[in-house]
């Protein structure tokens, strides 16, 4: 293969993993539009491969203003600034100048710490069954404060917001936990807010809302509604 063509493929293809067949390696795809999207360490979009249609889809992770550029990540965004820059230089021959990478030294160090915490949260997301048991234990324990289940998740979400990151495993675990906890407390507005956020993120990552819009419309109809409130009467 021509060296120039190989270089174009290596620097523009998006990984799609394995395909049906005997070949056990991973494939990549060069897309006419999506492969032209620039990188950011705090991307505003998510790209997903769909085997059924043999196509890539791109969806917004937040509101993208008119005239704002669309960004996707080329690297693992939880790496430190130094690690991200080294990988981008090695693979793509450019230095990132996104807002996160342009922070002053001290602010950049704090950003690295936040991303390290988020990396740990992403590598060890709560198992849904275990998380449900933990929430139910909190529900009936008067010795635990009302924010016991909520506090940690709000901290993780706040770190994501500060870094402009929306990692799939993190939001799926913590948005869900917050919605359930606020339902258990009987706080309709807060439960609705986190269900709506879950619907937006589920649509971005999977193409459908995962039933969260239904929860947002009637949080009081979930199995969690009022459990903490009623247990401590």
C-alpha atoms as a PDB file:
ATOM      1  CA  UNK A   1       0.000   0.000   0.000  1.00  0.00           C
ATOM      2  CA  UNK A   2       1.236   3.493  -0.830  1.00  0.00           C
ATOM      3  CA  UNK A   3       2.875   5.137   2.199  1.00  0.00           C
ATOM      4  CA  UNK A   4       0.760   8.281   1.758  1.00  0.00           C
ATOM      5  CA  UNK A   5      -2.480   6.283   1.606  1.00  0.00           C
ATOM      6  CA  UNK A   6      -1.468   4.274   4.656  1.00  0.00           C
ATOM      7  CA  UNK A   7      -0.726   7.497   6.519  1.00  0.00           C
ATOM      8  CA  UNK A   8      -4.115   8.954   5.610  1.00  0.00           C
ATOM      9  CA  UNK A   9      -5.848   5.820   6.860  1.00  0.00           C
ATOM     10  CA  UNK A  10      -3.882   5.660  10.109  1.00  0.00           C
ATOM     11  CA  UNK A  11      -4.512   9.293  10.984  1.00  0.00           C
ATOM     12  CA  UNK A  12      -8.158   9.469   9.937  1.00  0.00           C
ATOM     13  CA  UNK A  13      -9.702   6.063  10.647  1.00  0.00           C
ATOM     14  CA  UNK A  14     -12.046   5.429  13.560  1.00  0.00           C
ATOM     15  CA  UNK A  15     -11.897   2.089  15.323  1.00  0.00           C
ATOM     16  CA  UNK A  16     -14.876  -0.220  14.868  1.00  0.00           C
ATOM     17  CA  UNK A  17     -13.583  -3.324  16.644  1.00  0.00           C
ATOM     18  CA  UNK A  18     -14.181  -6.778  15.233  1.00  0.00           C
ATOM     19  CA  UNK A  19     -16.498  -7.703  12.387  1.00  0.00           C
ATOM     20  CA  UNK A  20     -18.235 -11.034  11.708  1.00  0.00           C
ATOM     21  CA  UNK A  21     -15.901 -13.571  10.135  1.00  0.00           C
ATOM     22  CA  UNK A  22     -12.742 -15.511  10.830  1.00  0.00           C
ATOM     23  CA  UNK A  23     -10.403 -12.531  11.113  1.00  0.00           C
ATOM     24  CA  UNK A  24      -9.772 -11.850  14.812  1.00  0.00           C
ATOM     25  CA  UNK A  25      -8.194  -8.447  14.436  1.00  0.00           C
ATOM     26  CA  UNK A  26      -9.879  -5.079  14.768  1.00  0.00           C
ATOM     27  CA  UNK A  27     -11.059  -2.918  11.890  1.00  0.00           C
ATOM     28  CA  UNK A  28     -11.164   0.804  11.296  1.00  0.00           C
ATOM     29  CA  UNK A  29     -13.276   3.051   9.082  1.00  0.00           C
ATOM     30  CA  UNK A  30     -12.475   6.312   7.322  1.00  0.00           C
ATOM     31  CA  UNK A  31     -15.704   8.330   7.225  1.00  0.00           C
ATOM     32  CA  UNK A  32     -16.228  11.184   4.726  1.00  0.00           C
ATOM     33  CA  UNK A  33     -17.551  13.578   7.375  1.00  0.00           C
ATOM     34  CA  UNK A  34     -16.882  12.251  10.880  1.00  0.00           C
ATOM     35  CA  UNK A  35     -13.192  11.584  10.196  1.00  0.00           C
ATOM     36  CA  UNK A  36     -12.811  15.326   9.536  1.00  0.00           C
ATOM     37  CA  UNK A  37     -14.056  16.293  13.010  1.00  0.00           C
ATOM     38  CA  UNK A  38     -11.346  17.858  15.156  1.00  0.00           C
ATOM     39  CA  UNK A  39     -10.162  16.730  18.576  1.00  0.00           C
ATOM     40  CA  UNK A  40     -10.820  18.210  21.998  1.00  0.00           C
ATOM     41  CA  UNK A  41      -9.892  16.870  25.420  1.00  0.00           C
ATOM     42  CA  UNK A  42     -13.351  18.079  26.512  1.00  0.00           C
ATOM     43  CA  UNK A  43     -15.416  16.916  23.512  1.00  0.00           C
ATOM     44  CA  UNK A  44     -18.990  18.027  22.943  1.00  0.00           C
ATOM     45  CA  UNK A  45     -19.950  14.964  20.864  1.00  0.00           C
ATOM     46  CA  UNK A  46     -19.866  11.176  20.948  1.00  0.00           C
ATOM     47  CA  UNK A  47     -19.337   8.874  17.982  1.00  0.00           C
ATOM     48  CA  UNK A  48     -20.700   5.328  17.949  1.00  0.00           C
ATOM     49  CA  UNK A  49     -20.317   2.459  15.480  1.00  0.00           C
ATOM     50  CA  UNK A  50     -23.451   0.492  14.520  1.00  0.00           C
ATOM     51  CA  UNK A  51     -22.760  -2.907  13.003  1.00  0.00           C
ATOM     52  CA  UNK A  52     -26.344  -3.372  11.796  1.00  0.00           C
ATOM     53  CA  UNK A  53     -26.130  -0.415   9.418  1.00  0.00           C
ATOM     54  CA  UNK A  54     -22.336  -0.509   9.016  1.00  0.00           C
ATOM     55  CA  UNK A  55     -22.224   3.164   9.864  1.00  0.00           C
ATOM     56  CA  UNK A  56     -20.939   5.636  12.419  1.00  0.00           C
ATOM     57  CA  UNK A  57     -23.321   7.980  14.207  1.00  0.00           C
ATOM     58  CA  UNK A  58     -22.353  11.182  15.969  1.00  0.00           C
ATOM     59  CA  UNK A  59     -24.494  12.728  18.702  1.00  0.00           C
ATOM     60  CA  UNK A  60     -24.165  15.812  20.879  1.00  0.00           C
ATOM     61  CA  UNK A  61     -23.258  15.355  24.545  1.00  0.00           C
ATOM     62  CA  UNK A  62     -24.458  18.848  25.393  1.00  0.00           C
ATOM     63  CA  UNK A  63     -26.058  21.818  23.698  1.00  0.00           C
ATOM     64  CA  UNK A  64     -23.872  22.944  20.804  1.00  0.00           C
ATOM     65  CA  UNK A  65     -24.365  26.610  20.037  1.00  0.00           C
ATOM     66  CA  UNK A  66     -24.820  27.930  16.506  1.00  0.00           C
ATOM     67  CA  UNK A  67     -21.381  28.397  14.938  1.00  0.00           C
ATOM     68  CA  UNK A  68     -19.637  26.289  17.599  1.00  0.00           C
ATOM     69  CA  UNK A  69     -17.308  23.617  16.280  1.00  0.00           C
ATOM     70  CA  UNK A  70     -18.070  19.927  16.851  1.00  0.00           C
ATOM     71  CA  UNK A  71     -15.337  17.994  18.671  1.00  0.00           C
ATOM     72  CA  UNK A  72     -14.621  14.337  19.445  1.00  0.00           C
ATOM     73  CA  UNK A  73     -11.706  12.845  21.436  1.00  0.00           C
ATOM     74  CA  UNK A  74      -8.745  11.240  19.680  1.00  0.00           C
ATOM     75  CA  UNK A  75      -7.202  10.064  22.978  1.00  0.00           C
ATOM     76  CA  UNK A  76      -8.327   8.739  26.338  1.00  0.00           C
ATOM     77  CA  UNK A  77      -9.406  12.024  27.958  1.00  0.00           C
ATOM     78  CA  UNK A  78      -8.637  10.864  31.523  1.00  0.00           C
ATOM     79  CA  UNK A  79      -4.905  10.976  30.864  1.00  0.00           C
ATOM     80  CA  UNK A  80      -2.860  13.869  32.238  1.00  0.00           C
ATOM     81  CA  UNK A  81      -2.227  16.856  29.983  1.00  0.00           C
ATOM     82  CA  UNK A  82       1.358  15.702  29.405  1.00  0.00           C
ATOM     83  CA  UNK A  83       0.220  12.181  28.456  1.00  0.00           C
ATOM     84  CA  UNK A  84      -2.492  13.464  26.123  1.00  0.00           C
ATOM     85  CA  UNK A  85      -0.116  15.849  24.376  1.00  0.00           C
ATOM     86  CA  UNK A  86       2.519  13.127  23.943  1.00  0.00           C
ATOM     87  CA  UNK A  87      -0.013  10.741  22.391  1.00  0.00           C
ATOM     88  CA  UNK A  88      -1.459  13.374  20.067  1.00  0.00           C
ATOM     89  CA  UNK A  89       2.009  14.418  18.931  1.00  0.00           C
ATOM     90  CA  UNK A  90       3.083  10.825  18.358  1.00  0.00           C
ATOM     91  CA  UNK A  91      -0.029   9.670  16.509  1.00  0.00           C
ATOM     92  CA  UNK A  92      -1.286  12.834  14.808  1.00  0.00           C
ATOM     93  CA  UNK A  93       1.644  15.270  14.891  1.00  0.00           C
ATOM     94  CA  UNK A  94      -0.145  18.193  16.538  1.00  0.00           C
ATOM     95  CA  UNK A  95      -0.334  19.854  19.937  1.00  0.00           C
ATOM     96  CA  UNK A  96      -3.787  20.286  21.420  1.00  0.00           C
ATOM     97  CA  UNK A  97      -4.799  23.863  22.254  1.00  0.00           C
ATOM     98  CA  UNK A  98      -8.277  23.102  23.611  1.00  0.00           C
ATOM     99  CA  UNK A  99      -9.332  25.119  26.692  1.00  0.00           C
ATOM    100  CA  UNK A 100      -8.281  22.288  29.011  1.00  0.00           C
ATOM    101  CA  UNK A 101      -4.813  21.993  27.488  1.00  0.00           C
ATOM    102  CA  UNK A 102      -4.380  25.785  27.509  1.00  0.00           C
ATOM    103  CA  UNK A 103      -4.810  26.146  31.275  1.00  0.00           C
ATOM    104  CA  UNK A 104      -2.023  27.757  33.339  1.00  0.00           C
ATOM    105  CA  UNK A 105       0.296  25.322  35.136  1.00  0.00           C
ATOM    106  CA  UNK A 106      -1.455  25.228  38.513  1.00  0.00           C
ATOM    107  CA  UNK A 107      -4.932  24.990  36.993  1.00  0.00           C
ATOM    108  CA  UNK A 108      -3.672  22.255  34.652  1.00  0.00           C
ATOM    109  CA  UNK A 109      -2.387  20.266  37.642  1.00  0.00           C
ATOM    110  CA  UNK A 110      -5.790  20.513  39.314  1.00  0.00           C
ATOM    111  CA  UNK A 111      -7.394  19.373  36.062  1.00  0.00           C
ATOM    112  CA  UNK A 112      -5.072  16.342  35.991  1.00  0.00           C
ATOM    113  CA  UNK A 113      -6.156  15.444  39.530  1.00  0.00           C
ATOM    114  CA  UNK A 114      -9.838  15.704  38.623  1.00  0.00           C
ATOM    115  CA  UNK A 115      -9.323  13.503  35.569  1.00  0.00           C
ATOM    116  CA  UNK A 116      -7.442  10.949  37.652  1.00  0.00           C
ATOM    117  CA  UNK A 117     -10.401  10.711  40.046  1.00  0.00           C
ATOM    118  CA  UNK A 118     -12.779  10.333  37.094  1.00  0.00           C
ATOM    119  CA  UNK A 119     -10.544   7.646  35.592  1.00  0.00           C
ATOM    120  CA  UNK A 120     -10.879   5.630  38.801  1.00  0.00           C
ATOM    121  CA  UNK A 121     -14.652   6.151  38.807  1.00  0.00           C
ATOM    122  CA  UNK A 122     -14.880   4.969  35.199  1.00  0.00           C
ATOM    123  CA  UNK A 123     -12.705   1.893  35.797  1.00  0.00           C
ATOM    124  CA  UNK A 124     -14.766   0.766  38.787  1.00  0.00           C
ATOM    125  CA  UNK A 125     -18.379   1.790  38.131  1.00  0.00           C
ATOM    126  CA  UNK A 126     -20.960   0.565  40.654  1.00  0.00           C
ATOM    127  CA  UNK A 127     -22.552  -2.749  39.693  1.00  0.00           C
ATOM    128  CA  UNK A 128     -26.291  -1.955  39.291  1.00  0.00           C
ATOM    129  CA  UNK A 129     -27.448  -4.791  41.545  1.00  0.00           C
ATOM    130  CA  UNK A 130     -24.975  -3.873  44.297  1.00  0.00           C
ATOM    131  CA  UNK A 131     -25.775  -0.191  43.955  1.00  0.00           C
ATOM    132  CA  UNK A 132     -29.495  -0.900  44.341  1.00  0.00           C
ATOM    133  CA  UNK A 133     -28.764  -2.867  47.520  1.00  0.00           C
ATOM    134  CA  UNK A 134     -26.703   0.022  48.865  1.00  0.00           C
ATOM    135  CA  UNK A 135     -29.474   2.510  48.136  1.00  0.00           C
ATOM    136  CA  UNK A 136     -32.053   0.263  49.802  1.00  0.00           C
ATOM    137  CA  UNK A 137     -29.826  -0.065  52.891  1.00  0.00           C
ATOM    138  CA  UNK A 138     -29.578   3.728  53.093  1.00  0.00           C
ATOM    139  CA  UNK A 139     -33.341   4.057  52.672  1.00  0.00           C
ATOM    140  CA  UNK A 140     -34.111   2.225  55.941  1.00  0.00           C
ATOM    141  CA  UNK A 141     -31.131   3.399  58.039  1.00  0.00           C
ATOM    142  CA  UNK A 142     -32.036   6.464  60.155  1.00  0.00           C
ATOM    143  CA  UNK A 143     -28.403   6.779  61.269  1.00  0.00           C
ATOM    144  CA  UNK A 144     -27.390   7.773  57.740  1.00  0.00           C
ATOM    145  CA  UNK A 145     -28.038  11.363  56.557  1.00  0.00           C
ATOM    146  CA  UNK A 146     -30.421  12.054  53.701  1.00  0.00           C
ATOM    147  CA  UNK A 147     -27.543  13.048  51.433  1.00  0.00           C
ATOM    148  CA  UNK A 148     -25.505   9.890  52.177  1.00  0.00           C
ATOM    149  CA  UNK A 149     -26.234   8.322  48.779  1.00  0.00           C
ATOM    150  CA  UNK A 150     -26.363  11.608  46.922  1.00  0.00           C
ATOM    151  CA  UNK A 151     -23.207  13.351  48.114  1.00  0.00           C
ATOM    152  CA  UNK A 152     -20.601  11.177  46.387  1.00  0.00           C
ATOM    153  CA  UNK A 153     -22.471  11.083  43.075  1.00  0.00           C
ATOM    154  CA  UNK A 154     -22.893  14.860  43.056  1.00  0.00           C
ATOM    155  CA  UNK A 155     -19.138  15.201  43.601  1.00  0.00           C
ATOM    156  CA  UNK A 156     -18.348  12.912  40.665  1.00  0.00           C
ATOM    157  CA  UNK A 157     -20.849  14.724  38.433  1.00  0.00           C
ATOM    158  CA  UNK A 158     -19.367  18.078  39.453  1.00  0.00           C
ATOM    159  CA  UNK A 159     -15.892  16.851  38.448  1.00  0.00           C
ATOM    160  CA  UNK A 160     -17.268  15.818  35.054  1.00  0.00           C
ATOM    161  CA  UNK A 161     -18.855  19.220  34.574  1.00  0.00           C
ATOM    162  CA  UNK A 162     -15.640  21.038  35.540  1.00  0.00           C
ATOM    163  CA  UNK A 163     -13.684  18.986  33.006  1.00  0.00           C
ATOM    164  CA  UNK A 164     -16.346  19.080  30.302  1.00  0.00           C
ATOM    165  CA  UNK A 165     -16.390  15.285  30.145  1.00  0.00           C
ATOM    166  CA  UNK A 166     -19.339  12.919  29.793  1.00  0.00           C
ATOM    167  CA  UNK A 167     -18.019   9.386  30.222  1.00  0.00           C
ATOM    168  CA  UNK A 168     -20.533   6.628  29.527  1.00  0.00           C
ATOM    169  CA  UNK A 169     -19.959   4.410  32.552  1.00  0.00           C
ATOM    170  CA  UNK A 170     -19.838   7.352  34.945  1.00  0.00           C
ATOM    171  CA  UNK A 171     -23.032   9.086  33.922  1.00  0.00           C
ATOM    172  CA  UNK A 172     -24.922   5.784  33.644  1.00  0.00           C
ATOM    173  CA  UNK A 173     -24.057   4.895  37.236  1.00  0.00           C
ATOM    174  CA  UNK A 174     -24.301   8.247  38.978  1.00  0.00           C
ATOM    175  CA  UNK A 175     -27.195   9.903  37.139  1.00  0.00           C
ATOM    176  CA  UNK A 176     -29.225   6.757  37.794  1.00  0.00           C
ATOM    177  CA  UNK A 177     -28.244   6.725  41.467  1.00  0.00           C
ATOM    178  CA  UNK A 178     -29.195  10.382  41.887  1.00  0.00           C
ATOM    179  CA  UNK A 179     -32.577   9.854  40.265  1.00  0.00           C
ATOM    180  CA  UNK A 180     -33.340   6.838  42.491  1.00  0.00           C
ATOM    181  CA  UNK A 181     -32.172   8.625  45.645  1.00  0.00           C
ATOM    182  CA  UNK A 182     -34.258  11.719  44.965  1.00  0.00           C
ATOM    183  CA  UNK A 183     -37.245   9.494  44.194  1.00  0.00           C
ATOM    184  CA  UNK A 184     -36.732   7.764  47.543  1.00  0.00           C
ATOM    185  CA  UNK A 185     -36.691  11.184  49.220  1.00  0.00           C
ATOM    186  CA  UNK A 186     -39.883  12.182  47.417  1.00  0.00           C
ATOM    187  CA  UNK A 187     -38.188  15.130  45.689  1.00  0.00           C
ATOM    188  CA  UNK A 188     -40.043  15.197  42.380  1.00  0.00           C
ATOM    189  CA  UNK A 189     -38.213  18.101  40.755  1.00  0.00           C
ATOM    190  CA  UNK A 190     -34.737  16.730  41.494  1.00  0.00           C
ATOM    191  CA  UNK A 191     -35.729  13.207  40.405  1.00  0.00           C
ATOM    192  CA  UNK A 192     -37.193  14.623  37.190  1.00  0.00           C
ATOM    193  CA  UNK A 193     -34.043  16.668  36.511  1.00  0.00           C
ATOM    194  CA  UNK A 194     -31.714  13.662  36.802  1.00  0.00           C
ATOM    195  CA  UNK A 195     -34.041  11.445  34.783  1.00  0.00           C
ATOM    196  CA  UNK A 196     -34.020  14.056  32.000  1.00  0.00           C
ATOM    197  CA  UNK A 197     -30.225  14.201  32.113  1.00  0.00           C
ATOM    198  CA  UNK A 198     -30.118  10.399  31.937  1.00  0.00           C
ATOM    199  CA  UNK A 199     -32.427  10.428  28.909  1.00  0.00           C
ATOM    200  CA  UNK A 200     -30.185  12.909  27.090  1.00  0.00           C
ATOM    201  CA  UNK A 201     -27.030  10.915  27.774  1.00  0.00           C
ATOM    202  CA  UNK A 202     -28.626   7.549  27.014  1.00  0.00           C
ATOM    203  CA  UNK A 203     -29.755   8.896  23.641  1.00  0.00           C
ATOM    204  CA  UNK A 204     -26.266  10.234  22.908  1.00  0.00           C
ATOM    205  CA  UNK A 205     -24.549   6.957  23.725  1.00  0.00           C
ATOM    206  CA  UNK A 206     -27.102   4.376  22.616  1.00  0.00           C
ATOM    207  CA  UNK A 207     -29.588   6.063  20.274  1.00  0.00           C
ATOM    208  CA  UNK A 208     -32.603   5.732  22.598  1.00  0.00           C
ATOM    209  CA  UNK A 209     -33.578   7.207  25.938  1.00  0.00           C
ATOM    210  CA  UNK A 210     -33.551   3.909  27.836  1.00  0.00           C
ATOM    211  CA  UNK A 211     -36.947   4.660  29.357  1.00  0.00           C
ATOM    212  CA  UNK A 212     -35.708   7.727  31.232  1.00  0.00           C
ATOM    213  CA  UNK A 213     -38.159  10.161  29.640  1.00  0.00           C
ATOM    214  CA  UNK A 214     -40.971   8.032  31.064  1.00  0.00           C
ATOM    215  CA  UNK A 215     -39.377   8.291  34.500  1.00  0.00           C
ATOM    216  CA  UNK A 216     -38.985  12.060  34.086  1.00  0.00           C
ATOM    217  CA  UNK A 217     -42.678  12.395  33.237  1.00  0.00           C
ATOM    218  CA  UNK A 218     -43.830  10.470  36.338  1.00  0.00           C
ATOM    219  CA  UNK A 219     -41.072   9.854  38.901  1.00  0.00           C
ATOM    220  CA  UNK A 220     -43.699   9.067  41.523  1.00  0.00           C
ATOM    221  CA  UNK A 221     -44.600   5.913  39.582  1.00  0.00           C
ATOM    222  CA  UNK A 222     -41.154   4.334  40.033  1.00  0.00           C
ATOM    223  CA  UNK A 223     -40.530   1.617  42.610  1.00  0.00           C
ATOM    224  CA  UNK A 224     -38.240   4.009  44.489  1.00  0.00           C
ATOM    225  CA  UNK A 225     -40.763   6.746  45.080  1.00  0.00           C
ATOM    226  CA  UNK A 226     -41.006   7.839  48.732  1.00  0.00           C
ATOM    227  CA  UNK A 227     -39.142   4.818  50.131  1.00  0.00           C
ATOM    228  CA  UNK A 228     -36.812   6.821  52.387  1.00  0.00           C
ATOM    229  CA  UNK A 229     -39.523   9.253  53.329  1.00  0.00           C
ATOM    230  CA  UNK A 230     -41.951   6.487  54.279  1.00  0.00           C
ATOM    231  CA  UNK A 231     -39.376   4.278  56.040  1.00  0.00           C
ATOM    232  CA  UNK A 232     -38.383   7.012  58.468  1.00  0.00           C
ATOM    233  CA  UNK A 233     -41.877   8.144  59.441  1.00  0.00           C
END
